[in-house]
Amino acid sequence: MSQASTTFAPSHRAPRLHLVARVTAAVLGGYAFAWGLIATGASLMFAAGMGFHDAEFLASLLGVLAFLVAFLWAIAARRLWLVWTVLLGGGALLAVTGSLVQSALV
């Protein structure tokens, strides 16, 4: 005779929401961080005397690498809240820094 189980079946919704949150953090957070890094890097390199297009190209190259690192870290990290905090907070801080440097140049 089989006995009915008293345990509840795990919700299939929670792992899916966690996966969606992690992928969203990887894509959007990584984009925000890379965008801030590109803005800050290009403006600082231009302020240091590098040509605008050279600074823009080098900052974009570093931004692509930063996006790759941020994306992989967001997928591998244990704490999702830390990923969101670092990527969005760091991206916002870098974007503000880049904007301040750009406004000082003009």
Protein backbone atom coordinates (compact mmCIF):
# COMPACT_ATOMS: atom_id res chain seq x y z
CA MET A 1 0.00 0.00 0.00
CA SER A 2 1.34 3.41 -0.84
CA GLN A 3 1.06 6.19 1.65
CA ALA A 4 0.27 9.74 0.59
CA SER A 5 3.14 12.13 0.98
CA THR A 6 2.67 14.99 3.41
CA THR A 7 5.34 17.16 1.82
CA PHE A 8 4.41 19.82 -0.62
CA ALA A 9 5.73 19.86 -4.14
CA PRO A 10 8.22 22.68 -4.63
CA SER A 11 6.95 25.64 -6.53
CA HIS A 12 8.22 25.83 -10.08
CA ARG A 13 7.68 29.56 -10.02
CA ALA A 14 10.41 30.51 -7.54
CA PRO A 15 13.37 29.09 -9.52
CA ARG A 16 12.07 30.70 -12.70
CA LEU A 17 11.73 34.10 -11.05
CA HIS A 18 15.21 33.75 -9.60
CA LEU A 19 16.59 32.89 -13.03
CA VAL A 20 14.78 35.83 -14.65
CA ALA A 21 16.09 38.18 -11.94
CA ARG A 22 19.63 36.90 -12.39
CA VAL A 23 19.59 37.19 -16.19
CA THR A 24 18.01 40.65 -15.94
CA ALA A 25 20.72 41.72 -13.51
CA ALA A 26 23.38 40.32 -15.83
CA VAL A 27 22.06 42.06 -18.94
CA LEU A 28 20.69 45.36 -17.63
CA GLY A 29 23.08 45.77 -14.71
CA GLY A 30 26.03 44.84 -16.88
CA TYR A 31 24.90 47.32 -19.52
CA ALA A 32 24.51 50.11 -16.95
CA PHE A 33 27.94 49.41 -15.49
CA ALA A 34 29.62 49.21 -18.91
CA TRP A 35 27.88 52.39 -20.06
CA GLY A 36 29.05 54.27 -16.97
CA LEU A 37 32.56 52.94 -17.41
CA ILE A 38 32.65 54.02 -21.05
CA ALA A 39 31.36 57.51 -20.21
CA THR A 40 33.84 58.00 -17.38
CA GLY A 41 36.75 56.41 -19.20
CA ALA A 42 36.28 58.39 -22.40
CA SER A 43 35.89 61.69 -20.59
CA LEU A 44 38.90 61.09 -18.31
CA MET A 45 41.13 59.97 -21.18
CA PHE A 46 40.06 62.99 -23.25
CA ALA A 47 40.74 65.26 -20.27
CA ALA A 48 44.20 63.68 -19.97
CA GLY A 49 45.02 64.76 -23.52
CA MET A 50 44.13 61.73 -25.64
CA GLY A 51 42.30 62.41 -28.88
CA PHE A 52 38.52 62.17 -28.59
CA HIS A 53 38.04 59.29 -31.02
CA ASP A 54 40.97 57.35 -29.57
CA ALA A 55 39.60 57.83 -26.04
CA GLU A 56 36.12 56.83 -27.18
CA PHE A 57 37.40 53.69 -28.90
CA LEU A 58 39.59 52.60 -25.99
CA ALA A 59 36.83 53.25 -23.45
CA SER A 60 34.37 51.27 -25.59
CA LEU A 61 36.82 48.39 -25.82
CA LEU A 62 37.21 48.39 -22.04
CA GLY A 63 33.44 48.67 -21.69
CA VAL A 64 32.87 45.51 -23.74
CA LEU A 65 35.33 43.64 -21.53
CA ALA A 66 33.67 45.06 -18.40
CA PHE A 67 30.26 43.94 -19.67
CA LEU A 68 31.56 40.42 -20.21
CA VAL A 69 33.06 40.29 -16.71
CA ALA A 70 29.91 41.78 -15.15
CA PHE A 71 27.67 39.36 -17.03
CA LEU A 72 29.66 36.30 -16.00
CA TRP A 73 29.92 37.51 -12.41
CA ALA A 74 26.17 38.14 -12.24
CA ILE A 75 25.48 34.58 -13.35
CA ALA A 76 28.04 33.03 -10.99
CA ALA A 77 27.54 35.15 -7.86
CA ARG A 78 25.80 33.68 -4.84
CA ARG A 79 24.07 36.84 -3.65
CA LEU A 80 21.79 38.44 -6.20
CA TRP A 81 21.23 41.57 -4.12
CA LEU A 82 24.98 42.22 -4.18
CA VAL A 83 25.02 41.90 -7.97
CA TRP A 84 22.21 44.43 -8.33
CA THR A 85 23.84 46.81 -5.84
CA VAL A 86 27.30 46.73 -7.40
CA LEU A 87 26.22 46.86 -11.03
CA LEU A 88 23.47 49.48 -10.77
CA GLY A 89 25.11 51.50 -8.01
CA GLY A 90 28.51 51.36 -9.66
CA GLY A 91 27.02 52.15 -13.05
CA ALA A 92 25.16 55.16 -11.66
CA LEU A 93 28.26 56.39 -9.84
CA LEU A 94 30.39 55.99 -12.96
CA ALA A 95 27.78 57.75 -15.13
CA VAL A 96 27.61 60.69 -12.71
CA THR A 97 31.40 60.87 -12.61
CA GLY A 98 31.60 60.85 -16.40
CA SER A 99 28.95 63.55 -16.62
CA LEU A 100 30.79 65.75 -14.11
CA VAL A 101 34.08 65.36 -15.96
CA GLN A 102 32.38 66.14 -19.28
CA SER A 103 30.74 69.25 -17.86
CA ALA A 104 34.11 70.40 -16.49
CA LEU A 105 35.63 70.05 -19.96
CA VAL A 106 33.03 72.22 -21.67
